Each structure stands twice: as C-alpha cells, then as structure tokens.
Amino acid sequence: MLSRIAESLFWIGRYVERAEDTARILDVQTQLMLEDAGVDQTAACRGLLSIMGIELEPDARPALPEVLELLAWSPESSSSIASSLAMARESARRARETLSVPMWEAINTTYRAIQSGHFHTMRTPGAFQWVRERAALVNGTADATMTRDEGWHFLMLGRCVERADMTSRLVATTSLASSGGQWTTTLRACGAYEAFLRTYRGLETERGAAEFLLLDRLFPRSVVFALNRAEQCVENLEASSQRAGFQSEAQRLLGRMRAELEYRALADVLSDLPTEMERLQRTCALATEALTRRYFAATPALSWQGVAD
C-alpha cells in the first residue's frame, strides 16, 4: 500500500474518533453545568480544556462560550470538532481512490455542514448528537464496505490509538476532581454507564469505574480493549513469522503499555492515576511516531495539541 494512502486512512480513523469523543465529553459536561446550579463553571471549564491539553494561565477564568468555541466550533482550533472533521475530510480526499463511494459521501457530507456554517448554528445538545451520529455513520459505513486488508488495519489502528488516548485524558482529569460523583459523568461521556452498571450489578464505586474504563476486556472504549485491538492491527500489518522480539517499535510500545496495565495490581495503577495516564498518552504519541517512521515514508508525524513530550 502507498504510504500516503496508509497515512491518510490512519488519520481518518483518529480524526473521526477525536470528533466523536470530544462531542461526547462536551455533551455530558455542558449539560451538567447547565442543570446543576452547584457546579463551579469556571473549574468545570478549566477541566474541559485540560482534558484536551489546552493550558491556561493560573488566573484565567474561562467561560462556557469560550470553551465551546475552542473545542467545538472554531476551525482554527486544533482541538475543535470542526477542525477534526475538516482534517478527516482532507485525509479522505488524499485517499479518495481507496475509499468506497458510500464512505467518501459520509465523510464529505459531514464536512459540508462544517464548511457551510450549518454546524455552528446548531443548538449545543443537537450539535453534539449530530456529531456522534455522523461518526457512527462513517464508522459503520467503513465496517460494511471495506475489505479487511491493510487499509482497514490502518483505519482501525488510528481509531484505537485515539480512543485509548482520549479515555486516558478523561480518567486523568476525573481522578483529580474533588467530587466522587465525577466518575458517573465520565462513564456517561464514554457511553459506558449502562454497561458498567450491568457489569458491576448496579454497585457504583470510584474504584470500579476506574477499573472498568481502564481494564475491561469486553467494553470497546476501555483503554485495554483499545490497546489490544491496536496491537492486533500492527501484528496483522507486519504479518511476519519472526520468532523473537518485534520488528515494529509501535507494537512493542503498545503491547508493553497494555501488559503493564493488565498485570500490575490495580491498587498500584490507581495510586497515581494522572501520572499513569500521562505515560499512556506519551506511549500513544511515541507509537504514532514509530508508525510514521515505518510506514509513512518519512513524513513528519502529525500530532495535536496536548500530547505529552
């Protein structure tokens, strides 16, 4: 497969996942701020920006309209939904000859709502629901129309790396919150609340929520599930019979991170969640760089604001 095609498919997966996850986070958090008069809106806004890696001055007091502009509407903000969907369409344009017609149409139609300004005019709850539905359409169309060849593995690899990264950001931010009820909000943002209640038979605990989002092997948005799928994608791309070690640095990085999470005592992981999640974000960034060196013909690795150095 041509390196530019492989890179484009990888970043389609990442950008669509990023737009969906950002919409999920904003939907839950903004509704919480609007419905609960006891929520400190300034602190909540700072938390939202922190999730996306946007650092503020210590005395800054961001308001909700400013946060929505940075994380949803502004095409100039690298962390915004509008920017992510525009970049997904640009990546799709570069890989146009390998995409099915329905998949191209799903991505291009989504982008037109951004370009025309229609997305910006939507009311916030409806806008976030629209983004989630469009992401589901793109992903579902890919699932239904793409052969399970190298292109599919690159698309899935991008989706899974981004999902692990975004879940880690949510978990890190929640662990720093003073309110234990924040874990319920985080579960809802990940679309995990009902699955969590069924798994833990209705017993809600902070430890259980963290364990579910990090380590559950069956829930598709858990960190371990995403890392495991990403590792499988790299293994399929390598398709080698190497008997020792790994040819791919990305596979080694992802596999080591997954193993450290799964085989360490949960108490050790939970003792310093922000640090552990920062390590995970750094691993995702390093794995992306390793994939770029191996598959993407020495093009500089794309990155987004907030990745740990």
C-alpha atoms as a PDB file:
ATOM      1  CA  MET A   1       0.000   0.000   0.000  1.00  0.00           C
ATOM      2  CA  LEU A   2       1.241   3.509  -0.830  1.00  0.00           C
ATOM      3  CA  SER A   3       2.498   5.284   2.275  1.00  0.00           C
ATOM      4  CA  ARG A   4       0.311   8.364   1.667  1.00  0.00           C
ATOM      5  CA  ILE A   5      -2.784   6.158   1.483  1.00  0.00           C
ATOM      6  CA  ALA A   6      -1.822   4.308   4.654  1.00  0.00           C
ATOM      7  CA  GLU A   7      -1.210   7.568   6.494  1.00  0.00           C
ATOM      8  CA  SER A   8      -4.486   9.077   5.297  1.00  0.00           C
ATOM      9  CA  LEU A   9      -6.504   6.074   6.465  1.00  0.00           C
ATOM     10  CA  PHE A  10      -4.742   6.087   9.839  1.00  0.00           C
ATOM     11  CA  TRP A  11      -5.621   9.748  10.367  1.00  0.00           C
ATOM     12  CA  ILE A  12      -9.214   9.335   9.163  1.00  0.00           C
ATOM     13  CA  GLY A  13      -9.598   6.852  11.995  1.00  0.00           C
ATOM     14  CA  ARG A  14      -8.028   9.227  14.509  1.00  0.00           C
ATOM     15  CA  TYR A  15      -9.841  12.393  13.463  1.00  0.00           C
ATOM     16  CA  VAL A  16     -13.318  10.830  13.323  1.00  0.00           C
ATOM     17  CA  GLU A  17     -12.770   9.218  16.725  1.00  0.00           C
ATOM     18  CA  ARG A  18     -11.478  12.502  18.153  1.00  0.00           C
ATOM     19  CA  ALA A  19     -14.525  14.413  16.918  1.00  0.00           C
ATOM     20  CA  GLU A  20     -16.891  11.821  18.394  1.00  0.00           C
ATOM     21  CA  ASP A  21     -15.101  11.649  21.756  1.00  0.00           C
ATOM     22  CA  THR A  22     -14.921  15.438  22.016  1.00  0.00           C
ATOM     23  CA  ALA A  23     -18.661  15.648  21.318  1.00  0.00           C
ATOM     24  CA  ARG A  24     -19.367  13.028  23.995  1.00  0.00           C
ATOM     25  CA  ILE A  25     -17.294  14.917  26.551  1.00  0.00           C
ATOM     26  CA  LEU A  26     -18.814  18.306  25.750  1.00  0.00           C
ATOM     27  CA  ASP A  27     -22.363  16.956  25.704  1.00  0.00           C
ATOM     28  CA  VAL A  28     -22.163  15.467  29.192  1.00  0.00           C
ATOM     29  CA  GLN A  29     -20.138  18.258  30.766  1.00  0.00           C
ATOM     30  CA  THR A  30     -22.185  21.158  29.378  1.00  0.00           C
ATOM     31  CA  GLN A  31     -25.462  19.553  30.412  1.00  0.00           C
ATOM     32  CA  LEU A  32     -24.061  19.048  33.893  1.00  0.00           C
ATOM     33  CA  MET A  33     -23.042  22.713  34.131  1.00  0.00           C
ATOM     34  CA  LEU A  34     -26.406  23.957  32.885  1.00  0.00           C
ATOM     35  CA  GLU A  35     -28.577  21.666  35.017  1.00  0.00           C
ATOM     36  CA  ASP A  36     -26.669  21.692  38.318  1.00  0.00           C
ATOM     37  CA  ALA A  37     -26.542  25.137  39.915  1.00  0.00           C
ATOM     38  CA  GLY A  38     -23.923  23.920  42.380  1.00  0.00           C
ATOM     39  CA  VAL A  39     -21.295  23.240  39.722  1.00  0.00           C
ATOM     40  CA  ASP A  40     -18.345  25.648  39.655  1.00  0.00           C
ATOM     41  CA  GLN A  41     -18.490  26.609  35.983  1.00  0.00           C
ATOM     42  CA  THR A  42     -15.025  28.125  35.918  1.00  0.00           C
ATOM     43  CA  ALA A  43     -13.457  24.976  37.363  1.00  0.00           C
ATOM     44  CA  ALA A  44     -15.522  22.807  35.015  1.00  0.00           C
ATOM     45  CA  CYS A  45     -14.391  24.850  32.003  1.00  0.00           C
ATOM     46  CA  ARG A  46     -10.769  24.585  33.076  1.00  0.00           C
ATOM     47  CA  GLY A  47     -11.251  20.823  33.407  1.00  0.00           C
ATOM     48  CA  LEU A  48     -12.677  20.581  29.897  1.00  0.00           C
ATOM     49  CA  LEU A  49      -9.748  22.480  28.432  1.00  0.00           C
ATOM     50  CA  SER A  50      -7.323  20.372  30.468  1.00  0.00           C
ATOM     51  CA  ILE A  51      -8.770  17.162  29.024  1.00  0.00           C
ATOM     52  CA  MET A  52      -7.916  18.437  25.561  1.00  0.00           C
ATOM     53  CA  GLY A  53      -4.445  19.581  26.599  1.00  0.00           C
ATOM     54  CA  ILE A  54      -5.128  23.329  26.468  1.00  0.00           C
ATOM     55  CA  GLU A  55      -3.192  25.001  29.265  1.00  0.00           C
ATOM     56  CA  LEU A  56      -4.375  28.294  30.735  1.00  0.00           C
ATOM     57  CA  GLU A  57      -2.787  30.960  32.862  1.00  0.00           C
ATOM     58  CA  PRO A  58      -3.331  30.314  36.604  1.00  0.00           C
ATOM     59  CA  ASP A  59      -5.588  33.358  36.941  1.00  0.00           C
ATOM     60  CA  ALA A  60      -7.608  32.699  33.765  1.00  0.00           C
ATOM     61  CA  ARG A  61     -11.364  32.321  34.224  1.00  0.00           C
ATOM     62  CA  PRO A  62     -12.717  30.668  31.057  1.00  0.00           C
ATOM     63  CA  ALA A  63     -16.446  30.838  30.370  1.00  0.00           C
ATOM     64  CA  LEU A  64     -18.564  28.224  28.633  1.00  0.00           C
ATOM     65  CA  PRO A  65     -18.959  30.144  25.317  1.00  0.00           C
ATOM     66  CA  GLU A  66     -15.164  30.464  25.081  1.00  0.00           C
ATOM     67  CA  VAL A  67     -14.703  26.755  25.752  1.00  0.00           C
ATOM     68  CA  LEU A  68     -17.296  25.789  23.150  1.00  0.00           C
ATOM     69  CA  GLU A  69     -15.596  27.997  20.588  1.00  0.00           C
ATOM     70  CA  LEU A  70     -12.227  26.342  21.232  1.00  0.00           C
ATOM     71  CA  LEU A  71     -13.467  22.759  21.468  1.00  0.00           C
ATOM     72  CA  ALA A  72     -16.449  22.694  19.116  1.00  0.00           C
ATOM     73  CA  TRP A  73     -16.938  25.499  16.610  1.00  0.00           C
ATOM     74  CA  SER A  74     -13.606  27.093  15.648  1.00  0.00           C
ATOM     75  CA  PRO A  75     -11.947  25.638  12.514  1.00  0.00           C
ATOM     76  CA  GLU A  76      -8.723  27.356  13.587  1.00  0.00           C
ATOM     77  CA  SER A  77      -8.524  25.485  16.903  1.00  0.00           C
ATOM     78  CA  SER A  78      -6.641  22.198  16.508  1.00  0.00           C
ATOM     79  CA  SER A  79      -8.659  20.715  19.383  1.00  0.00           C
ATOM     80  CA  SER A  80     -12.108  21.515  17.980  1.00  0.00           C
ATOM     81  CA  ILE A  81     -14.709  19.196  16.495  1.00  0.00           C
ATOM     82  CA  ALA A  82     -14.890  21.388  13.385  1.00  0.00           C
ATOM     83  CA  SER A  83     -11.130  21.103  12.852  1.00  0.00           C
ATOM     84  CA  SER A  84     -11.120  17.330  13.387  1.00  0.00           C
ATOM     85  CA  LEU A  85     -13.911  16.746  10.871  1.00  0.00           C
ATOM     86  CA  ALA A  86     -12.270  19.062   8.339  1.00  0.00           C
ATOM     87  CA  MET A  87      -8.977  17.182   8.692  1.00  0.00           C
ATOM     88  CA  ALA A  88     -10.784  13.840   8.377  1.00  0.00           C
ATOM     89  CA  ARG A  89     -12.223  15.031   5.079  1.00  0.00           C
ATOM     90  CA  GLU A  90      -8.809  16.240   3.882  1.00  0.00           C
ATOM     91  CA  SER A  91      -7.301  12.842   4.724  1.00  0.00           C
ATOM     92  CA  ALA A  92     -10.187  11.143   2.908  1.00  0.00           C
ATOM     93  CA  ARG A  93      -9.565  13.326  -0.156  1.00  0.00           C
ATOM     94  CA  ARG A  94      -5.940  12.151  -0.266  1.00  0.00           C
ATOM     95  CA  ALA A  95      -7.085   8.524  -0.087  1.00  0.00           C
ATOM     96  CA  ARG A  96     -10.120   9.009  -2.329  1.00  0.00           C
ATOM     97  CA  GLU A  97      -9.246   6.202  -4.751  1.00  0.00           C
ATOM     98  CA  THR A  98      -9.210   3.581  -1.976  1.00  0.00           C
ATOM     99  CA  LEU A  99     -12.446   4.584  -0.219  1.00  0.00           C
ATOM    100  CA  SER A 100     -15.832   3.184  -1.137  1.00  0.00           C
ATOM    101  CA  VAL A 101     -18.294   5.695  -2.579  1.00  0.00           C
ATOM    102  CA  PRO A 102     -20.607   5.464   0.482  1.00  0.00           C
ATOM    103  CA  MET A 103     -17.734   6.104   2.877  1.00  0.00           C
ATOM    104  CA  TRP A 104     -16.487   9.125   0.919  1.00  0.00           C
ATOM    105  CA  GLU A 105     -20.018  10.511   0.779  1.00  0.00           C
ATOM    106  CA  ALA A 106     -20.484  10.042   4.536  1.00  0.00           C
ATOM    107  CA  ILE A 107     -17.266  11.967   5.297  1.00  0.00           C
ATOM    108  CA  ASN A 108     -17.796  14.643   2.642  1.00  0.00           C
ATOM    109  CA  THR A 109     -21.427  15.306   3.609  1.00  0.00           C
ATOM    110  CA  THR A 110     -20.344  15.716   7.226  1.00  0.00           C
ATOM    111  CA  TYR A 111     -17.678  18.222   6.192  1.00  0.00           C
ATOM    112  CA  ARG A 112     -20.155  20.272   4.162  1.00  0.00           C
ATOM    113  CA  ALA A 113     -22.095  21.065   7.329  1.00  0.00           C
ATOM    114  CA  ILE A 114     -18.860  22.440   8.812  1.00  0.00           C
ATOM    115  CA  GLN A 115     -17.876  24.387   5.695  1.00  0.00           C
ATOM    116  CA  SER A 116     -21.327  25.934   5.225  1.00  0.00           C
ATOM    117  CA  GLY A 117     -21.537  27.078   8.849  1.00  0.00           C
ATOM    118  CA  HIS A 118     -24.610  24.935   9.494  1.00  0.00           C
ATOM    119  CA  PHE A 119     -22.831  23.079  12.316  1.00  0.00           C
ATOM    120  CA  HIS A 120     -22.097  26.355  14.115  1.00  0.00           C
ATOM    121  CA  THR A 121     -25.774  27.344  14.050  1.00  0.00           C
ATOM    122  CA  MET A 122     -26.967  24.151  15.767  1.00  0.00           C
ATOM    123  CA  ARG A 123     -28.042  24.232  19.396  1.00  0.00           C
ATOM    124  CA  THR A 124     -25.382  22.546  21.510  1.00  0.00           C
ATOM    125  CA  PRO A 125     -27.180  19.325  22.563  1.00  0.00           C
ATOM    126  CA  GLY A 126     -28.350  18.727  18.999  1.00  0.00           C
ATOM    127  CA  ALA A 127     -24.908  19.549  17.577  1.00  0.00           C
ATOM    128  CA  PHE A 128     -23.159  17.000  19.763  1.00  0.00           C
ATOM    129  CA  GLN A 129     -25.761  14.354  18.965  1.00  0.00           C
ATOM    130  CA  TRP A 130     -25.307  15.119  15.261  1.00  0.00           C
ATOM    131  CA  VAL A 131     -21.527  14.626  15.538  1.00  0.00           C
ATOM    132  CA  ARG A 132     -21.979  11.283  17.289  1.00  0.00           C
ATOM    133  CA  GLU A 133     -24.453  10.148  14.640  1.00  0.00           C
ATOM    134  CA  ARG A 134     -22.188  11.220  11.788  1.00  0.00           C
ATOM    135  CA  ALA A 135     -19.204   9.447  13.361  1.00  0.00           C
ATOM    136  CA  ALA A 136     -21.332   6.324  13.766  1.00  0.00           C
ATOM    137  CA  LEU A 137     -22.352   6.595  10.095  1.00  0.00           C
ATOM    138  CA  VAL A 138     -18.732   6.939   8.926  1.00  0.00           C
ATOM    139  CA  ASN A 139     -17.527   4.069  11.106  1.00  0.00           C
ATOM    140  CA  GLY A 140     -20.491   1.876  10.250  1.00  0.00           C
ATOM    141  CA  THR A 141     -20.035   2.520   6.534  1.00  0.00           C
ATOM    142  CA  ALA A 142     -16.361   1.616   6.834  1.00  0.00           C
ATOM    143  CA  ASP A 143     -17.258  -1.591   8.657  1.00  0.00           C
ATOM    144  CA  ALA A 144     -19.785  -2.534   5.984  1.00  0.00           C
ATOM    145  CA  THR A 145     -17.890  -1.581   2.812  1.00  0.00           C
ATOM    146  CA  MET A 146     -14.139  -2.016   3.421  1.00  0.00           C
ATOM    147  CA  THR A 147     -12.297  -5.265   2.852  1.00  0.00           C
ATOM    148  CA  ARG A 148     -10.199  -6.361   5.816  1.00  0.00           C
ATOM    149  CA  ASP A 149      -6.910  -5.581   4.114  1.00  0.00           C
ATOM    150  CA  GLU A 150      -4.040  -3.268   5.042  1.00  0.00           C
ATOM    151  CA  GLY A 151      -6.186  -0.171   4.588  1.00  0.00           C
ATOM    152  CA  TRP A 152      -8.724  -1.462   7.092  1.00  0.00           C
ATOM    153  CA  HIS A 153      -5.991  -2.198   9.633  1.00  0.00           C
ATOM    154  CA  PHE A 154      -4.570   1.322   9.324  1.00  0.00           C
ATOM    155  CA  LEU A 155      -8.040   2.841   9.780  1.00  0.00           C
ATOM    156  CA  MET A 156      -8.734   0.694  12.854  1.00  0.00           C
ATOM    157  CA  LEU A 157      -5.265   1.363  14.232  1.00  0.00           C
ATOM    158  CA  GLY A 158      -5.849   5.116  14.136  1.00  0.00           C
ATOM    159  CA  ARG A 159      -9.270   4.750  15.736  1.00  0.00           C
ATOM    160  CA  CYS A 160      -7.967   2.578  18.585  1.00  0.00           C
ATOM    161  CA  VAL A 161      -4.901   4.697  19.362  1.00  0.00           C
ATOM    162  CA  GLU A 162      -7.066   7.819  19.533  1.00  0.00           C
ATOM    163  CA  ARG A 163      -9.662   6.081  21.697  1.00  0.00           C
ATOM    164  CA  ALA A 164      -7.054   4.940  24.220  1.00  0.00           C
ATOM    165  CA  ASP A 165      -5.592   8.450  24.321  1.00  0.00           C
ATOM    166  CA  MET A 166      -8.946  10.185  24.837  1.00  0.00           C
ATOM    167  CA  THR A 167     -10.136   7.751  27.505  1.00  0.00           C
ATOM    168  CA  SER A 168      -6.872   8.265  29.387  1.00  0.00           C
ATOM    169  CA  ARG A 169      -7.431  12.026  29.357  1.00  0.00           C
ATOM    170  CA  LEU A 170     -10.898  11.639  30.826  1.00  0.00           C
ATOM    171  CA  VAL A 171      -9.692   9.257  33.529  1.00  0.00           C
ATOM    172  CA  ALA A 172      -6.777  11.520  34.478  1.00  0.00           C
ATOM    173  CA  THR A 173      -8.984  14.600  34.762  1.00  0.00           C
ATOM    174  CA  THR A 174     -11.621  12.731  36.772  1.00  0.00           C
ATOM    175  CA  SER A 175      -9.041  11.405  39.207  1.00  0.00           C
ATOM    176  CA  LEU A 176      -8.045  14.988  40.026  1.00  0.00           C
ATOM    177  CA  ALA A 177     -11.625  16.120  40.673  1.00  0.00           C
ATOM    178  CA  SER A 178     -12.672  16.572  44.282  1.00  0.00           C
ATOM    179  CA  SER A 179     -16.162  15.179  43.687  1.00  0.00           C
ATOM    180  CA  GLY A 180     -16.570  11.423  43.636  1.00  0.00           C
ATOM    181  CA  GLY A 181     -19.702  11.830  41.536  1.00  0.00           C
ATOM    182  CA  GLN A 182     -17.498  12.919  38.660  1.00  0.00           C
ATOM    183  CA  TRP A 183     -16.913   9.250  37.792  1.00  0.00           C
ATOM    184  CA  THR A 184     -20.580   8.863  36.833  1.00  0.00           C
ATOM    185  CA  THR A 185     -20.184  11.811  34.465  1.00  0.00           C
ATOM    186  CA  THR A 186     -17.056  10.237  32.976  1.00  0.00           C
ATOM    187  CA  LEU A 187     -18.777   6.906  32.435  1.00  0.00           C
ATOM    188  CA  ARG A 188     -21.605   8.695  30.629  1.00  0.00           C
ATOM    189  CA  ALA A 189     -19.133  10.640  28.483  1.00  0.00           C
ATOM    190  CA  CYS A 190     -17.606   7.332  27.365  1.00  0.00           C
ATOM    191  CA  GLY A 191     -21.020   5.808  26.687  1.00  0.00           C
ATOM    192  CA  ALA A 192     -20.139   3.287  29.386  1.00  0.00           C
ATOM    193  CA  TYR A 193     -22.637   3.954  32.176  1.00  0.00           C
ATOM    194  CA  GLU A 194     -25.227   1.275  31.356  1.00  0.00           C
ATOM    195  CA  ALA A 195     -22.560  -1.321  30.520  1.00  0.00           C
ATOM    196  CA  PHE A 196     -20.794  -0.507  33.793  1.00  0.00           C
ATOM    197  CA  LEU A 197     -23.971  -0.945  35.852  1.00  0.00           C
ATOM    198  CA  ARG A 198     -24.683  -4.311  34.236  1.00  0.00           C
ATOM    199  CA  THR A 199     -21.112  -5.481  34.788  1.00  0.00           C
ATOM    200  CA  TYR A 200     -20.961  -4.391  38.440  1.00  0.00           C
ATOM    201  CA  ARG A 201     -24.623  -5.243  39.163  1.00  0.00           C
ATOM    202  CA  GLY A 202     -25.595  -1.665  39.948  1.00  0.00           C
ATOM    203  CA  LEU A 203     -22.860  -1.063  42.519  1.00  0.00           C
ATOM    204  CA  GLU A 204     -21.195   2.284  41.744  1.00  0.00           C
ATOM    205  CA  THR A 205     -17.728   2.866  43.213  1.00  0.00           C
ATOM    206  CA  GLU A 206     -14.836   5.050  42.115  1.00  0.00           C
ATOM    207  CA  ARG A 207     -12.526   2.032  42.054  1.00  0.00           C
ATOM    208  CA  GLY A 208     -14.991   0.041  39.956  1.00  0.00           C
ATOM    209  CA  ALA A 209     -15.460   2.887  37.448  1.00  0.00           C
ATOM    210  CA  ALA A 210     -11.716   3.353  37.020  1.00  0.00           C
ATOM    211  CA  GLU A 211     -11.184  -0.393  36.657  1.00  0.00           C
ATOM    212  CA  PHE A 212     -13.938  -0.640  34.035  1.00  0.00           C
ATOM    213  CA  LEU A 213     -12.644   2.253  31.902  1.00  0.00           C
ATOM    214  CA  LEU A 214      -9.047   1.083  32.109  1.00  0.00           C
ATOM    215  CA  LEU A 215      -9.078  -2.705  32.196  1.00  0.00           C
ATOM    216  CA  ASP A 216     -12.355  -4.190  30.948  1.00  0.00           C
ATOM    217  CA  ARG A 217     -11.552  -6.601  28.108  1.00  0.00           C
ATOM    218  CA  LEU A 218     -15.076  -6.609  26.647  1.00  0.00           C
ATOM    219  CA  PHE A 219     -16.071  -2.925  26.593  1.00  0.00           C
ATOM    220  CA  PRO A 220     -14.861  -1.315  23.329  1.00  0.00           C
ATOM    221  CA  ARG A 221     -13.979   2.062  24.850  1.00  0.00           C
ATOM    222  CA  SER A 222     -11.794   0.768  27.664  1.00  0.00           C
ATOM    223  CA  VAL A 223      -8.084   1.502  27.430  1.00  0.00           C
ATOM    224  CA  VAL A 224      -7.039  -2.162  27.456  1.00  0.00           C
ATOM    225  CA  PHE A 225      -9.569  -3.097  24.769  1.00  0.00           C
ATOM    226  CA  ALA A 226      -8.357  -0.266  22.514  1.00  0.00           C
ATOM    227  CA  LEU A 227      -4.670  -1.068  23.070  1.00  0.00           C
ATOM    228  CA  ASN A 228      -5.282  -4.754  22.420  1.00  0.00           C
ATOM    229  CA  ARG A 229      -7.048  -4.023  19.128  1.00  0.00           C
ATOM    230  CA  ALA A 230      -4.321  -1.572  18.095  1.00  0.00           C
ATOM    231  CA  GLU A 231      -1.691  -4.192  18.863  1.00  0.00           C
ATOM    232  CA  GLN A 232      -3.568  -6.756  16.757  1.00  0.00           C
ATOM    233  CA  CYS A 233      -3.739  -4.306  13.848  1.00  0.00           C
ATOM    234  CA  VAL A 234       0.025  -3.776  13.905  1.00  0.00           C
ATOM    235  CA  GLU A 235       0.583  -7.538  14.119  1.00  0.00           C
ATOM    236  CA  ASN A 236      -1.630  -8.055  11.057  1.00  0.00           C
ATOM    237  CA  LEU A 237       0.246  -5.345   9.173  1.00  0.00           C
ATOM    238  CA  GLU A 238       3.574  -6.979   9.951  1.00  0.00           C
ATOM    239  CA  ALA A 239       2.322 -10.474   9.001  1.00  0.00           C
ATOM    240  CA  SER A 240       5.737 -11.922   9.823  1.00  0.00           C
ATOM    241  CA  SER A 241       6.872 -15.200  11.344  1.00  0.00           C
ATOM    242  CA  GLN A 242       9.535 -13.588  13.498  1.00  0.00           C
ATOM    243  CA  ARG A 243      10.195 -15.917  16.430  1.00  0.00           C
ATOM    244  CA  ALA A 244      11.706 -13.428  18.868  1.00  0.00           C
ATOM    245  CA  GLY A 245      11.097  -9.765  19.621  1.00  0.00           C
ATOM    246  CA  PHE A 246       9.167  -7.371  17.407  1.00  0.00           C
ATOM    247  CA  GLN A 247      10.026  -5.798  14.096  1.00  0.00           C
ATOM    248  CA  SER A 248       7.633  -2.957  14.854  1.00  0.00           C
ATOM    249  CA  GLU A 249       8.516  -0.485  17.580  1.00  0.00           C
ATOM    250  CA  ALA A 250       4.854   0.577  17.694  1.00  0.00           C
ATOM    251  CA  GLN A 251       3.778  -2.979  18.512  1.00  0.00           C
ATOM    252  CA  ARG A 252       6.352  -3.192  21.285  1.00  0.00           C
ATOM    253  CA  LEU A 253       5.231   0.124  22.797  1.00  0.00           C
ATOM    254  CA  LEU A 254       1.526  -0.665  22.665  1.00  0.00           C
ATOM    255  CA  GLY A 255       1.985  -4.214  23.917  1.00  0.00           C
ATOM    256  CA  ARG A 256       4.166  -3.164  26.829  1.00  0.00           C
ATOM    257  CA  MET A 257       1.695  -0.491  27.902  1.00  0.00           C
ATOM    258  CA  ARG A 258      -1.207  -2.927  27.732  1.00  0.00           C
ATOM    259  CA  ALA A 259       0.690  -5.568  29.696  1.00  0.00           C
ATOM    260  CA  GLU A 260       1.710  -3.086  32.386  1.00  0.00           C
ATOM    261  CA  LEU A 261      -1.907  -2.072  32.887  1.00  0.00           C
ATOM    262  CA  GLU A 262      -3.261  -5.627  32.889  1.00  0.00           C
ATOM    263  CA  TYR A 263      -0.651  -7.370  35.006  1.00  0.00           C
ATOM    264  CA  ARG A 264       0.076  -4.761  37.643  1.00  0.00           C
ATOM    265  CA  ALA A 265      -2.026  -4.673  40.784  1.00  0.00           C
ATOM    266  CA  LEU A 266      -4.969  -2.343  40.331  1.00  0.00           C
ATOM    267  CA  ALA A 267      -4.066  -0.535  43.541  1.00  0.00           C
ATOM    268  CA  ASP A 268      -0.657   0.351  42.092  1.00  0.00           C
ATOM    269  CA  VAL A 269      -2.252   1.808  38.956  1.00  0.00           C
ATOM    270  CA  LEU A 270      -4.857   3.761  40.909  1.00  0.00           C
ATOM    271  CA  SER A 271      -2.355   5.155  43.403  1.00  0.00           C
ATOM    272  CA  ASP A 272      -1.224   7.780  40.874  1.00  0.00           C
ATOM    273  CA  LEU A 273      -3.686   7.792  38.003  1.00  0.00           C
ATOM    274  CA  PRO A 274      -2.683  11.160  36.492  1.00  0.00           C
ATOM    275  CA  THR A 275       0.921  10.013  36.104  1.00  0.00           C
ATOM    276  CA  GLU A 276      -0.122   6.639  34.696  1.00  0.00           C
ATOM    277  CA  MET A 277      -2.431   8.275  32.181  1.00  0.00           C
ATOM    278  CA  GLU A 278       0.288  10.735  31.167  1.00  0.00           C
ATOM    279  CA  ARG A 279       2.527   7.733  30.445  1.00  0.00           C
ATOM    280  CA  LEU A 280      -0.239   6.241  28.334  1.00  0.00           C
ATOM    281  CA  GLN A 281      -0.647   9.462  26.341  1.00  0.00           C
ATOM    282  CA  ARG A 282       3.101   9.577  25.792  1.00  0.00           C
ATOM    283  CA  THR A 283       3.029   5.959  24.618  1.00  0.00           C
ATOM    284  CA  CYS A 284       0.314   6.795  22.077  1.00  0.00           C
ATOM    285  CA  ALA A 285       2.412   9.690  20.789  1.00  0.00           C
ATOM    286  CA  LEU A 286       5.566   7.544  20.563  1.00  0.00           C
ATOM    287  CA  ALA A 287       3.655   4.748  18.837  1.00  0.00           C
ATOM    288  CA  THR A 288       2.354   7.246  16.273  1.00  0.00           C
ATOM    289  CA  GLU A 289       5.909   8.434  15.625  1.00  0.00           C
ATOM    290  CA  ALA A 290       7.076   4.824  15.250  1.00  0.00           C
ATOM    291  CA  LEU A 291       4.284   4.087  12.762  1.00  0.00           C
ATOM    292  CA  THR A 292       5.204   7.196  10.819  1.00  0.00           C
ATOM    293  CA  ARG A 293       8.846   6.135  10.535  1.00  0.00           C
ATOM    294  CA  ARG A 294       7.968   2.589   9.490  1.00  0.00           C
ATOM    295  CA  TYR A 295       5.016   3.064   7.145  1.00  0.00           C
ATOM    296  CA  PHE A 296       4.551   6.680   6.161  1.00  0.00           C
ATOM    297  CA  ALA A 297       7.668   7.333   4.070  1.00  0.00           C
ATOM    298  CA  ALA A 298       9.465   9.686   6.443  1.00  0.00           C
ATOM    299  CA  THR A 299       6.688  12.265   6.510  1.00  0.00           C
ATOM    300  CA  PRO A 300       6.660  14.155   9.813  1.00  0.00           C
ATOM    301  CA  ALA A 301       4.262  12.626  12.308  1.00  0.00           C
ATOM    302  CA  LEU A 302       1.061  14.602  12.674  1.00  0.00           C
ATOM    303  CA  SER A 303       0.220  15.497  16.227  1.00  0.00           C
ATOM    304  CA  TRP A 304      -2.329  17.514  18.130  1.00  0.00           C
ATOM    305  CA  GLN A 305      -2.197  19.954  20.954  1.00  0.00           C
ATOM    306  CA  GLY A 306      -1.838  18.406  24.378  1.00  0.00           C
ATOM    307  CA  VAL A 307       0.309  15.343  23.637  1.00  0.00           C
ATOM    308  CA  ALA A 308       2.924  14.903  26.351  1.00  0.00           C
ATOM    309  CA  ASP A 309       6.501  15.471  25.287  1.00  0.00           C
END
